[in-house]
Protein backbone atom coordinates (compact mmCIF):
# COMPACT_ATOMS: atom_id res chain seq x y z
CA UNK A 1 0.07 -0.02 -0.04
CA UNK A 2 1.49 3.33 -1.11
CA UNK A 3 0.82 6.71 0.51
CA UNK A 4 -0.43 9.23 -2.00
CA UNK A 5 -1.04 13.01 -1.53
CA UNK A 6 -3.95 14.28 -3.54
CA UNK A 7 -3.93 18.12 -3.90
CA UNK A 8 -6.88 19.88 -5.18
CA UNK A 9 -8.77 23.09 -4.13
CA UNK A 10 -12.10 21.42 -5.27
CA UNK A 11 -13.46 18.95 -2.73
CA UNK A 12 -15.41 17.27 -5.47
CA UNK A 13 -12.20 16.67 -7.57
CA UNK A 14 -10.29 15.73 -4.50
CA UNK A 15 -12.91 13.18 -3.45
CA UNK A 16 -13.24 11.65 -6.88
CA UNK A 17 -9.46 11.02 -7.15
CA UNK A 18 -9.21 9.89 -3.52
CA UNK A 19 -11.90 7.34 -4.28
CA UNK A 20 -10.03 5.83 -7.13
CA UNK A 21 -6.84 5.57 -5.26
CA UNK A 22 -8.58 4.22 -2.04
CA UNK A 23 -10.39 1.59 -4.19
CA UNK A 24 -7.01 0.52 -5.55
CA UNK A 25 -5.91 0.00 -1.91
CA UNK A 26 -3.66 2.96 -1.32
CA UNK A 27 -3.48 5.28 1.70
CA UNK A 28 -4.51 8.79 0.69
CA UNK A 29 -3.65 12.01 2.25
CA UNK A 30 -5.13 15.31 1.12
CA UNK A 31 -4.21 18.96 0.66
CA UNK A 32 -6.40 21.83 -0.51
CA UNK A 33 -3.84 24.31 -1.67
CA UNK A 34 -0.17 24.44 -3.04
CA UNK A 35 1.24 25.72 0.30
CA UNK A 36 -0.51 22.91 2.13
CA UNK A 37 0.86 20.38 -0.38
CA UNK A 38 4.41 21.64 0.30
CA UNK A 39 3.82 21.24 4.01
CA UNK A 40 2.18 17.82 3.71
CA UNK A 41 4.97 16.50 1.42
CA UNK A 42 7.46 17.32 4.18
CA UNK A 43 5.45 16.05 7.08
CA UNK A 44 3.97 12.81 5.46
CA UNK A 45 6.54 12.04 2.81
CA UNK A 46 4.08 10.48 0.34
CA UNK A 47 5.24 7.96 -2.22
CA UNK A 48 3.54 9.95 -4.99
CA UNK A 49 1.54 13.20 -5.42
CA UNK A 50 -1.34 14.08 -7.68
CA UNK A 51 -1.15 17.87 -7.97
CA UNK A 52 -3.84 20.10 -9.36
CA UNK A 53 -2.51 23.20 -11.24
CA UNK A 54 -5.07 26.04 -10.88
CA UNK A 55 -5.24 26.96 -7.11
CA UNK A 56 -5.46 30.29 -5.50
CA UNK A 57 -2.60 30.66 -2.94
CA UNK A 58 0.16 28.74 -4.89
CA UNK A 59 -0.45 26.98 -8.10
CA UNK A 60 0.56 23.45 -8.71
CA UNK A 61 3.63 24.47 -10.86
CA UNK A 62 5.04 26.44 -8.13
CA UNK A 63 4.21 23.87 -5.40
CA UNK A 64 5.69 21.08 -7.52
CA UNK A 65 8.93 23.13 -8.00
CA UNK A 66 9.19 23.92 -4.17
CA UNK A 67 8.69 20.30 -3.35
CA UNK A 68 11.30 19.01 -5.86
CA UNK A 69 13.90 21.62 -4.84
CA UNK A 70 13.96 20.26 -1.32
CA UNK A 71 16.38 17.64 -0.41
CA UNK A 72 13.78 15.87 1.75
CA UNK A 73 11.17 15.59 -0.93
CA UNK A 74 13.02 15.72 -4.23
CA UNK A 75 12.52 12.05 -5.09
CA UNK A 76 8.68 12.13 -4.80
CA UNK A 77 7.15 11.63 -8.28
CA UNK A 78 4.59 14.39 -9.09
CA UNK A 79 1.65 13.96 -11.53
CA UNK A 80 -0.16 17.18 -12.53
CA UNK A 81 -3.98 16.79 -12.73
CA UNK A 82 -5.40 19.71 -14.74
CA UNK A 83 -7.79 21.04 -17.23
CA UNK A 84 -4.96 22.75 -19.03
CA UNK A 85 -4.58 20.83 -22.14
CA UNK A 86 -2.09 22.75 -24.04
CA UNK A 87 1.45 21.39 -25.14
CA UNK A 88 3.02 24.43 -23.51
CA UNK A 89 1.34 23.40 -20.20
CA UNK A 90 2.70 19.92 -20.51
CA UNK A 91 6.17 21.18 -21.24
CA UNK A 92 6.00 23.67 -18.33
CA UNK A 93 4.99 20.89 -15.99
CA UNK A 94 7.97 18.74 -17.10
CA UNK A 95 10.24 21.71 -16.63
CA UNK A 96 9.00 22.06 -13.06
CA UNK A 97 9.87 18.23 -12.50
CA UNK A 98 6.39 16.62 -12.92
CA UNK A 99 6.78 13.02 -13.99
CA UNK A 100 3.20 12.64 -15.28
CA UNK A 101 0.29 14.69 -16.53
CA UNK A 102 -3.44 13.92 -16.50
CA UNK A 103 -5.94 16.05 -18.23
CA UNK A 104 -9.43 16.58 -16.59
CA UNK A 105 -11.86 14.99 -17.09
CA UNK A 106 -9.88 11.79 -16.62
CA UNK A 107 -10.73 8.14 -16.20
CA UNK A 108 -10.00 5.67 -13.59
CA UNK A 109 -7.64 4.00 -16.07
CA UNK A 110 -5.63 7.26 -16.59
CA UNK A 111 -4.91 7.37 -12.80
CA UNK A 112 -4.08 3.76 -12.47
CA UNK A 113 -1.66 3.97 -15.44
CA UNK A 114 0.28 6.68 -13.71
CA UNK A 115 0.40 4.49 -10.56
CA UNK A 116 1.82 1.53 -12.61
CA UNK A 117 4.32 3.81 -14.29
CA UNK A 118 5.61 5.63 -11.15
CA UNK A 119 5.40 3.30 -8.21
């Protein structure tokens, strides 16, 4: 069982993704903002992070960069989960260190494929 951090400022999106992961028998921790994601990544040390992009206090790109710049959390794979579907967004996510990219609306299989690839 892996520990997975789900970051999304929408409770609906957070619950949907957490449900997929919990049904696949993973332990899910949650954050509702980029700043909370940085803090939870340090305190919880998840095995994988699913990160929303558009959030108010700190977007997912900045949170990913901050998480991956820290020695304690630099090896945690981050998957961006977003409605942003432009090639430039995907390239920018990779430049921030993201290892995966899922476009909303996504399927259960999209999520499980990322788990297989990164865990």
